[in-house]
Amino acid sequence: MGQDAQQTRLFTQMNDAVKAFTDDLKKNGRMNDVLLFTFSEFGRRVAQNASNGTDHGTANNMFLISGGLKQKGILNAMPDLANLNEGI
């Protein structure tokens, strides 16, 4: 329940920082020279727990950002949220 506002705030903060960084790289002609790699140190379960948070889980994501990527877009299939393993 309370996760939406927190997640929106955190994703906005990260988005703004990545955008500022990549805008600077592009402005200086260095976008192809840098690979930005982000990931979470652990996955999260989909369902909320009793504290309105989420427990550690098995799923995770990674973002690769660069002007020099050989393949762009989503590199693997999105998870099937209708086919979870015990809420993970």
PDB file of N, CA and C in Angstrom:
ATOM      1  N   MET A   1       0.823  -1.190   0.000  1.00  0.00           N
ATOM      2  CA  MET A   1       0.000   0.000   0.000  1.00  0.00           C
ATOM      3  C   MET A   1       0.870   1.258   0.000  1.00  0.00           C
ATOM      4  N   GLY A   2       1.799   1.383   0.958  1.00  0.00           N
ATOM      5  CA  GLY A   2       2.595   2.581   1.061  1.00  0.00           C
ATOM      6  C   GLY A   2       3.806   2.584   0.152  1.00  0.00           C
ATOM      7  N   GLN A   3       3.958   1.552  -0.647  1.00  0.00           N
ATOM      8  CA  GLN A   3       5.157   1.449  -1.478  1.00  0.00           C
ATOM      9  C   GLN A   3       5.127   2.339  -2.712  1.00  0.00           C
ATOM     10  N   ASP A   4       3.946   2.643  -3.220  1.00  0.00           N
ATOM     11  CA  ASP A   4       3.860   3.398  -4.476  1.00  0.00           C
ATOM     12  C   ASP A   4       4.575   4.740  -4.393  1.00  0.00           C
ATOM     13  N   ALA A   5       4.297   5.523  -3.369  1.00  0.00           N
ATOM     14  CA  ALA A   5       4.911   6.850  -3.250  1.00  0.00           C
ATOM     15  C   ALA A   5       6.421   6.737  -3.059  1.00  0.00           C
ATOM     16  N   GLN A   6       6.848   5.799  -2.228  1.00  0.00           N
ATOM     17  CA  GLN A   6       8.284   5.606  -1.978  1.00  0.00           C
ATOM     18  C   GLN A   6       8.999   5.165  -3.258  1.00  0.00           C
ATOM     19  N   GLN A   7       8.411   4.217  -3.964  1.00  0.00           N
ATOM     20  CA  GLN A   7       9.028   3.728  -5.190  1.00  0.00           C
ATOM     21  C   GLN A   7       9.063   4.822  -6.256  1.00  0.00           C
ATOM     22  N   THR A   8       7.992   5.583  -6.364  1.00  0.00           N
ATOM     23  CA  THR A   8       7.959   6.688  -7.319  1.00  0.00           C
ATOM     24  C   THR A   8       9.051   7.703  -7.004  1.00  0.00           C
ATOM     25  N   ARG A   9       9.223   8.040  -5.732  1.00  0.00           N
ATOM     26  CA  ARG A   9      10.247   8.998  -5.326  1.00  0.00           C
ATOM     27  C   ARG A   9      11.648   8.483  -5.663  1.00  0.00           C
ATOM     28  N   LEU A  10      11.906   7.215  -5.333  1.00  0.00           N
ATOM     29  CA  LEU A  10      13.232   6.651  -5.569  1.00  0.00           C
ATOM     30  C   LEU A  10      13.536   6.497  -7.060  1.00  0.00           C
ATOM     31  N   PHE A  11      12.559   6.025  -7.836  1.00  0.00           N
ATOM     32  CA  PHE A  11      12.788   5.888  -9.280  1.00  0.00           C
ATOM     33  C   PHE A  11      12.960   7.251  -9.948  1.00  0.00           C
ATOM     34  N   THR A  12      12.220   8.247  -9.492  1.00  0.00           N
ATOM     35  CA  THR A  12      12.375   9.597 -10.041  1.00  0.00           C
ATOM     36  C   THR A  12      13.763  10.139  -9.742  1.00  0.00           C
ATOM     37  N   GLN A  13      14.225   9.937  -8.514  1.00  0.00           N
ATOM     38  CA  GLN A  13      15.562  10.388  -8.130  1.00  0.00           C
ATOM     39  C   GLN A  13      16.632   9.709  -8.992  1.00  0.00           C
ATOM     40  N   MET A  14      16.513   8.408  -9.174  1.00  0.00           N
ATOM     41  CA  MET A  14      17.493   7.691  -9.997  1.00  0.00           C
ATOM     42  C   MET A  14      17.399   8.141 -11.455  1.00  0.00           C
ATOM     43  N   ASN A  15      16.183   8.264 -11.972  1.00  0.00           N
ATOM     44  CA  ASN A  15      15.980   8.687 -13.350  1.00  0.00           C
ATOM     45  C   ASN A  15      16.607  10.057 -13.598  1.00  0.00           C
ATOM     46  N   ASP A  16      16.386  10.991 -12.684  1.00  0.00           N
ATOM     47  CA  ASP A  16      16.924  12.336 -12.851  1.00  0.00           C
ATOM     48  C   ASP A  16      18.455  12.325 -12.856  1.00  0.00           C
ATOM     49  N   ALA A  17      19.058  11.522 -11.981  1.00  0.00           N
ATOM     50  CA  ALA A  17      20.516  11.436 -11.911  1.00  0.00           C
ATOM     51  C   ALA A  17      21.088  10.807 -13.181  1.00  0.00           C
ATOM     52  N   VAL A  18      20.484   9.714 -13.649  1.00  0.00           N
ATOM     53  CA  VAL A  18      20.966   9.047 -14.871  1.00  0.00           C
ATOM     54  C   VAL A  18      20.793   9.971 -16.073  1.00  0.00           C
ATOM     55  N   LYS A  19      19.672  10.666 -16.139  1.00  0.00           N
ATOM     56  CA  LYS A  19      19.446  11.587 -17.259  1.00  0.00           C
ATOM     57  C   LYS A  19      20.481  12.703 -17.257  1.00  0.00           C
ATOM     58  N   ALA A  20      20.756  13.294 -16.101  1.00  0.00           N
ATOM     59  CA  ALA A  20      21.760  14.363 -16.030  1.00  0.00           C
ATOM     60  C   ALA A  20      23.129  13.849 -16.473  1.00  0.00           C
ATOM     61  N   PHE A  21      23.474  12.647 -16.029  1.00  0.00           N
ATOM     62  CA  PHE A  21      24.765  12.063 -16.380  1.00  0.00           C
ATOM     63  C   PHE A  21      24.850  11.775 -17.877  1.00  0.00           C
ATOM     64  N   THR A  22      23.830  11.141 -18.435  1.00  0.00           N
ATOM     65  CA  THR A  22      23.863  10.800 -19.860  1.00  0.00           C
ATOM     66  C   THR A  22      23.769  12.053 -20.732  1.00  0.00           C
ATOM     67  N   ASP A  23      23.005  13.061 -20.299  1.00  0.00           N
ATOM     68  CA  ASP A  23      22.965  14.325 -21.048  1.00  0.00           C
ATOM     69  C   ASP A  23      24.359  14.943 -21.116  1.00  0.00           C
ATOM     70  N   ASP A  24      25.087  14.900 -19.998  1.00  0.00           N
ATOM     71  CA  ASP A  24      26.441  15.444 -19.962  1.00  0.00           C
ATOM     72  C   ASP A  24      27.382  14.647 -20.873  1.00  0.00           C
ATOM     73  N   LEU A  25      27.245  13.307 -20.841  1.00  0.00           N
ATOM     74  CA  LEU A  25      28.072  12.471 -21.724  1.00  0.00           C
ATOM     75  C   LEU A  25      27.811  12.805 -23.188  1.00  0.00           C
ATOM     76  N   LYS A  26      26.533  12.939 -23.555  1.00  0.00           N
ATOM     77  CA  LYS A  26      26.182  13.250 -24.939  1.00  0.00           C
ATOM     78  C   LYS A  26      26.715  14.619 -25.336  1.00  0.00           C
ATOM     79  N   LYS A  27      26.541  15.595 -24.459  1.00  0.00           N
ATOM     80  CA  LYS A  27      26.996  16.964 -24.743  1.00  0.00           C
ATOM     81  C   LYS A  27      28.503  17.013 -24.989  1.00  0.00           C
ATOM     82  N   ASN A  28      29.236  16.144 -24.309  1.00  0.00           N
ATOM     83  CA  ASN A  28      30.695  16.122 -24.431  1.00  0.00           C
ATOM     84  C   ASN A  28      31.205  15.048 -25.393  1.00  0.00           C
ATOM     85  N   GLY A  29      30.298  14.418 -26.140  1.00  0.00           N
ATOM     86  CA  GLY A  29      30.692  13.421 -27.133  1.00  0.00           C
ATOM     87  C   GLY A  29      31.325  12.169 -26.546  1.00  0.00           C
ATOM     88  N   ARG A  30      30.934  11.783 -25.334  1.00  0.00           N
ATOM     89  CA  ARG A  30      31.556  10.632 -24.666  1.00  0.00           C
ATOM     90  C   ARG A  30      30.580   9.477 -24.419  1.00  0.00           C
ATOM     91  N   MET A  31      29.384   9.556 -24.943  1.00  0.00           N
ATOM     92  CA  MET A  31      28.376   8.528 -24.668  1.00  0.00           C
ATOM     93  C   MET A  31      28.834   7.133 -25.098  1.00  0.00           C
ATOM     94  N   ASN A  32      29.561   7.031 -26.194  1.00  0.00           N
ATOM     95  CA  ASN A  32      30.021   5.723 -26.671  1.00  0.00           C
ATOM     96  C   ASN A  32      31.198   5.182 -25.868  1.00  0.00           C
ATOM     97  N   ASP A  33      31.792   6.007 -25.027  1.00  0.00           N
ATOM     98  CA  ASP A  33      32.976   5.608 -24.265  1.00  0.00           C
ATOM     99  C   ASP A  33      32.651   5.071 -22.871  1.00  0.00           C
ATOM    100  N   VAL A  34      31.381   5.150 -22.474  1.00  0.00           N
ATOM    101  CA  VAL A  34      30.992   4.820 -21.097  1.00  0.00           C
ATOM    102  C   VAL A  34      29.888   3.772 -21.110  1.00  0.00           C
ATOM    103  N   LEU A  35      29.971   2.838 -20.160  1.00  0.00           N
ATOM    104  CA  LEU A  35      28.891   1.884 -19.921  1.00  0.00           C
ATOM    105  C   LEU A  35      28.428   2.092 -18.494  1.00  0.00           C
ATOM    106  N   LEU A  36      27.167   2.484 -18.334  1.00  0.00           N
ATOM    107  CA  LEU A  36      26.565   2.643 -17.025  1.00  0.00           C
ATOM    108  C   LEU A  36      25.767   1.378 -16.740  1.00  0.00           C
ATOM    109  N   PHE A  37      26.046   0.746 -15.610  1.00  0.00           N
ATOM    110  CA  PHE A  37      25.424  -0.535 -15.250  1.00  0.00           C
ATOM    111  C   PHE A  37      24.809  -0.383 -13.871  1.00  0.00           C
ATOM    112  N   THR A  38      23.505  -0.575 -13.757  1.00  0.00           N
ATOM    113  CA  THR A  38      22.841  -0.479 -12.453  1.00  0.00           C
ATOM    114  C   THR A  38      22.148  -1.799 -12.143  1.00  0.00           C
ATOM    115  N   PHE A  39      22.084  -2.124 -10.867  1.00  0.00           N
ATOM    116  CA  PHE A  39      21.361  -3.317 -10.435  1.00  0.00           C
ATOM    117  C   PHE A  39      21.028  -3.184  -8.955  1.00  0.00           C
ATOM    118  N   SER A  40      20.101  -3.968  -8.514  1.00  0.00           N
ATOM    119  CA  SER A  40      19.770  -4.040  -7.094  1.00  0.00           C
ATOM    120  C   SER A  40      20.560  -5.196  -6.500  1.00  0.00           C
ATOM    121  N   GLU A  41      20.980  -5.038  -5.259  1.00  0.00           N
ATOM    122  CA  GLU A  41      21.791  -6.099  -4.649  1.00  0.00           C
ATOM    123  C   GLU A  41      20.987  -7.353  -4.331  1.00  0.00           C
ATOM    124  N   PHE A  42      19.670  -7.272  -4.389  1.00  0.00           N
ATOM    125  CA  PHE A  42      18.838  -8.445  -4.179  1.00  0.00           C
ATOM    126  C   PHE A  42      17.493  -8.225  -4.859  1.00  0.00           C
ATOM    127  N   GLY A  43      16.826  -9.313  -5.161  1.00  0.00           N
ATOM    128  CA  GLY A  43      15.499  -9.228  -5.747  1.00  0.00           C
ATOM    129  C   GLY A  43      14.453  -9.002  -4.673  1.00  0.00           C
ATOM    130  N   ARG A  44      13.252  -8.762  -5.093  1.00  0.00           N
ATOM    131  CA  ARG A  44      12.132  -8.563  -4.173  1.00  0.00           C
ATOM    132  C   ARG A  44      10.963  -9.446  -4.577  1.00  0.00           C
ATOM    133  N   ARG A  45      10.206  -9.849  -3.582  1.00  0.00           N
ATOM    134  CA  ARG A  45       8.963 -10.558  -3.851  1.00  0.00           C
ATOM    135  C   ARG A  45       7.935  -9.580  -4.403  1.00  0.00           C
ATOM    136  N   VAL A  46       6.943 -10.093  -5.097  1.00  0.00           N
ATOM    137  CA  VAL A  46       5.906  -9.237  -5.664  1.00  0.00           C
ATOM    138  C   VAL A  46       4.919  -8.812  -4.583  1.00  0.00           C
ATOM    139  N   ALA A  47       4.494  -9.741  -3.756  1.00  0.00           N
ATOM    140  CA  ALA A  47       3.472  -9.450  -2.742  1.00  0.00           C
ATOM    141  C   ALA A  47       4.059  -8.688  -1.555  1.00  0.00           C
ATOM    142  N   GLN A  48       3.252  -7.786  -0.992  1.00  0.00           N
ATOM    143  CA  GLN A  48       3.655  -7.058   0.209  1.00  0.00           C
ATOM    144  C   GLN A  48       3.621  -7.959   1.426  1.00  0.00           C
ATOM    145  N   ASN A  49       4.474  -7.647   2.398  1.00  0.00           N
ATOM    146  CA  ASN A  49       4.443  -8.368   3.666  1.00  0.00           C
ATOM    147  C   ASN A  49       3.578  -7.597   4.668  1.00  0.00           C
ATOM    148  N   ALA A  50       3.537  -8.043   5.915  1.00  0.00           N
ATOM    149  CA  ALA A  50       2.682  -7.434   6.934  1.00  0.00           C
ATOM    150  C   ALA A  50       3.093  -5.996   7.259  1.00  0.00           C
ATOM    151  N   SER A  51       4.331  -5.627   6.960  1.00  0.00           N
ATOM    152  CA  SER A  51       4.822  -4.270   7.236  1.00  0.00           C
ATOM    153  C   SER A  51       4.654  -3.342   6.035  1.00  0.00           C
ATOM    154  N   ASN A  52       3.869  -3.763   5.044  1.00  0.00           N
ATOM    155  CA  ASN A  52       3.643  -3.005   3.811  1.00  0.00           C
ATOM    156  C   ASN A  52       4.922  -2.814   2.994  1.00  0.00           C
ATOM    157  N   GLY A  53       5.849  -3.729   3.143  1.00  0.00           N
ATOM    158  CA  GLY A  53       7.072  -3.740   2.348  1.00  0.00           C
ATOM    159  C   GLY A  53       7.114  -5.029   1.556  1.00  0.00           C
ATOM    160  N   THR A  54       8.267  -5.368   1.043  1.00  0.00           N
ATOM    161  CA  THR A  54       8.429  -6.638   0.341  1.00  0.00           C
ATOM    162  C   THR A  54       9.690  -7.323   0.842  1.00  0.00           C
ATOM    163  N   ASP A  55       9.606  -8.628   0.936  1.00  0.00           N
ATOM    164  CA  ASP A  55      10.738  -9.420   1.398  1.00  0.00           C
ATOM    165  C   ASP A  55      11.703  -9.689   0.242  1.00  0.00           C
ATOM    166  N   HIS A  56      12.898 -10.126   0.595  1.00  0.00           N
ATOM    167  CA  HIS A  56      13.866 -10.511  -0.434  1.00  0.00           C
ATOM    168  C   HIS A  56      13.290 -11.652  -1.262  1.00  0.00           C
ATOM    169  N   GLY A  57      13.598 -11.656  -2.539  1.00  0.00           N
ATOM    170  CA  GLY A  57      13.099 -12.679  -3.434  1.00  0.00           C
ATOM    171  C   GLY A  57      14.167 -13.103  -4.418  1.00  0.00           C
ATOM    172  N   THR A  58      13.756 -13.772  -5.465  1.00  0.00           N
ATOM    173  CA  THR A  58      14.715 -14.316  -6.433  1.00  0.00           C
ATOM    174  C   THR A  58      14.833 -13.497  -7.709  1.00  0.00           C
ATOM    175  N   ALA A  59      13.856 -12.666  -8.017  1.00  0.00           N
ATOM    176  CA  ALA A  59      13.881 -11.901  -9.264  1.00  0.00           C
ATOM    177  C   ALA A  59      14.672 -10.612  -9.077  1.00  0.00           C
ATOM    178  N   ASN A  60      15.257 -10.121 -10.147  1.00  0.00           N
ATOM    179  CA  ASN A  60      16.038  -8.902 -10.095  1.00  0.00           C
ATOM    180  C   ASN A  60      16.070  -8.277 -11.477  1.00  0.00           C
ATOM    181  N   ASN A  61      16.670  -7.104 -11.585  1.00  0.00           N
ATOM    182  CA  ASN A  61      16.814  -6.462 -12.886  1.00  0.00           C
ATOM    183  C   ASN A  61      18.158  -5.756 -12.958  1.00  0.00           C
ATOM    184  N   MET A  62      18.585  -5.514 -14.167  1.00  0.00           N
ATOM    185  CA  MET A  62      19.820  -4.783 -14.418  1.00  0.00           C
ATOM    186  C   MET A  62      19.564  -3.848 -15.595  1.00  0.00           C
ATOM    187  N   PHE A  63      20.195  -2.686 -15.545  1.00  0.00           N
ATOM    188  CA  PHE A  63      20.090  -1.731 -16.639  1.00  0.00           C
ATOM    189  C   PHE A  63      21.484  -1.443 -17.165  1.00  0.00           C
ATOM    190  N   LEU A  64      21.654  -1.541 -18.480  1.00  0.00           N
ATOM    191  CA  LEU A  64      22.897  -1.192 -19.159  1.00  0.00           C
ATOM    192  C   LEU A  64      22.600   0.017 -20.037  1.00  0.00           C
ATOM    193  N   ILE A  65      23.372   1.085 -19.866  1.00  0.00           N
ATOM    194  CA  ILE A  65      23.138   2.309 -20.615  1.00  0.00           C
ATOM    195  C   ILE A  65      24.452   2.748 -21.245  1.00  0.00           C
ATOM    196  N   SER A  66      24.444   2.901 -22.578  1.00  0.00           N
ATOM    197  CA  SER A  66      25.642   3.330 -23.301  1.00  0.00           C
ATOM    198  C   SER A  66      25.262   3.655 -24.736  1.00  0.00           C
ATOM    199  N   GLY A  67      26.039   4.508 -25.352  1.00  0.00           N
ATOM    200  CA  GLY A  67      25.844   4.765 -26.775  1.00  0.00           C
ATOM    201  C   GLY A  67      26.449   3.672 -27.630  1.00  0.00           C
ATOM    202  N   GLY A  68      27.289   2.820 -27.027  1.00  0.00           N
ATOM    203  CA  GLY A  68      27.996   1.804 -27.793  1.00  0.00           C
ATOM    204  C   GLY A  68      27.448   0.398 -27.658  1.00  0.00           C
ATOM    205  N   LEU A  69      26.242   0.247 -27.123  1.00  0.00           N
ATOM    206  CA  LEU A  69      25.682  -1.100 -26.986  1.00  0.00           C
ATOM    207  C   LEU A  69      25.425  -1.706 -28.359  1.00  0.00           C
ATOM    208  N   LYS A  70      25.744  -2.975 -28.508  1.00  0.00           N
ATOM    209  CA  LYS A  70      25.508  -3.661 -29.785  1.00  0.00           C
ATOM    210  C   LYS A  70      24.044  -4.046 -29.939  1.00  0.00           C
ATOM    211  N   GLN A  71      23.372  -4.310 -28.828  1.00  0.00           N
ATOM    212  CA  GLN A  71      21.946  -4.634 -28.862  1.00  0.00           C
ATOM    213  C   GLN A  71      21.236  -3.702 -27.908  1.00  0.00           C
ATOM    214  N   LYS A  72      20.162  -3.083 -28.365  1.00  0.00           N
ATOM    215  CA  LYS A  72      19.410  -2.143 -27.542  1.00  0.00           C
ATOM    216  C   LYS A  72      18.022  -2.685 -27.275  1.00  0.00           C
ATOM    217  N   GLY A  73      17.449  -2.264 -26.165  1.00  0.00           N
ATOM    218  CA  GLY A  73      16.108  -2.688 -25.809  1.00  0.00           C
ATOM    219  C   GLY A  73      16.149  -3.723 -24.702  1.00  0.00           C
ATOM    220  N   ILE A  74      15.055  -4.414 -24.517  1.00  0.00           N
ATOM    221  CA  ILE A  74      14.956  -5.445 -23.489  1.00  0.00           C
ATOM    222  C   ILE A  74      15.666  -6.691 -23.992  1.00  0.00           C
ATOM    223  N   LEU A  75      16.607  -7.199 -23.191  1.00  0.00           N
ATOM    224  CA  LEU A  75      17.439  -8.312 -23.644  1.00  0.00           C
ATOM    225  C   LEU A  75      16.910  -9.683 -23.245  1.00  0.00           C
ATOM    226  N   ASN A  76      15.937  -9.723 -22.357  1.00  0.00           N
ATOM    227  CA  ASN A  76      15.354 -11.005 -21.974  1.00  0.00           C
ATOM    228  C   ASN A  76      13.860 -10.825 -21.760  1.00  0.00           C
ATOM    229  N   ALA A  77      13.176 -11.916 -21.661  1.00  0.00           N
ATOM    230  CA  ALA A  77      11.724 -11.871 -21.490  1.00  0.00           C
ATOM    231  C   ALA A  77      11.361 -11.278 -20.131  1.00  0.00           C
ATOM    232  N   MET A  78      10.260 -10.544 -20.105  1.00  0.00           N
ATOM    233  CA  MET A  78       9.751 -10.005 -18.847  1.00  0.00           C
ATOM    234  C   MET A  78       9.200 -11.162 -18.006  1.00  0.00           C
ATOM    235  N   PRO A  79       9.239 -11.034 -16.677  1.00  0.00           N
ATOM    236  CA  PRO A  79       8.734 -12.120 -15.835  1.00  0.00           C
ATOM    237  C   PRO A  79       7.229 -12.281 -15.974  1.00  0.00           C
ATOM    238  N   ASP A  80       6.780 -13.492 -15.786  1.00  0.00           N
ATOM    239  CA  ASP A  80       5.347 -13.801 -15.824  1.00  0.00           C
ATOM    240  C   ASP A  80       4.804 -13.643 -14.408  1.00  0.00           C
ATOM    241  N   LEU A  81       4.157 -12.537 -14.118  1.00  0.00           N
ATOM    242  CA  LEU A  81       3.653 -12.263 -12.772  1.00  0.00           C
ATOM    243  C   LEU A  81       2.459 -13.123 -12.401  1.00  0.00           C
ATOM    244  N   ALA A  82       1.896 -13.830 -13.365  1.00  0.00           N
ATOM    245  CA  ALA A  82       0.791 -14.744 -13.085  1.00  0.00           C
ATOM    246  C   ALA A  82       1.306 -16.126 -12.732  1.00  0.00           C
ATOM    247  N   ASN A  83       2.632 -16.354 -12.832  1.00  0.00           N
ATOM    248  CA  ASN A  83       3.206 -17.665 -12.589  1.00  0.00           C
ATOM    249  C   ASN A  83       4.376 -17.532 -11.597  1.00  0.00           C
ATOM    250  N   LEU A  84       4.062 -17.109 -10.369  1.00  0.00           N
ATOM    251  CA  LEU A  84       5.078 -16.873  -9.359  1.00  0.00           C
ATOM    252  C   LEU A  84       5.361 -18.138  -8.572  1.00  0.00           C
ATOM    253  N   ASN A  85       6.580 -18.230  -8.051  1.00  0.00           N
ATOM    254  CA  ASN A  85       6.974 -19.341  -7.203  1.00  0.00           C
ATOM    255  C   ASN A  85       6.873 -18.887  -5.750  1.00  0.00           C
ATOM    256  N   GLU A  86       5.784 -19.192  -5.079  1.00  0.00           N
ATOM    257  CA  GLU A  86       5.542 -18.799  -3.686  1.00  0.00           C
ATOM    258  C   GLU A  86       5.664 -17.289  -3.486  1.00  0.00           C
ATOM    259  N   GLY A  87       5.142 -16.513  -4.417  1.00  0.00           N
ATOM    260  CA  GLY A  87       5.160 -15.064  -4.304  1.00  0.00           C
ATOM    261  C   GLY A  87       6.484 -14.434  -4.676  1.00  0.00           C
ATOM    262  N   ILE A  88       7.395 -15.197  -5.243  1.00  0.00           N
ATOM    263  CA  ILE A  88       8.716 -14.683  -5.583  1.00  0.00           C
ATOM    264  C   ILE A  88       8.779 -14.405  -7.067  1.00  0.00           C
TER     265      ILE A  88
END
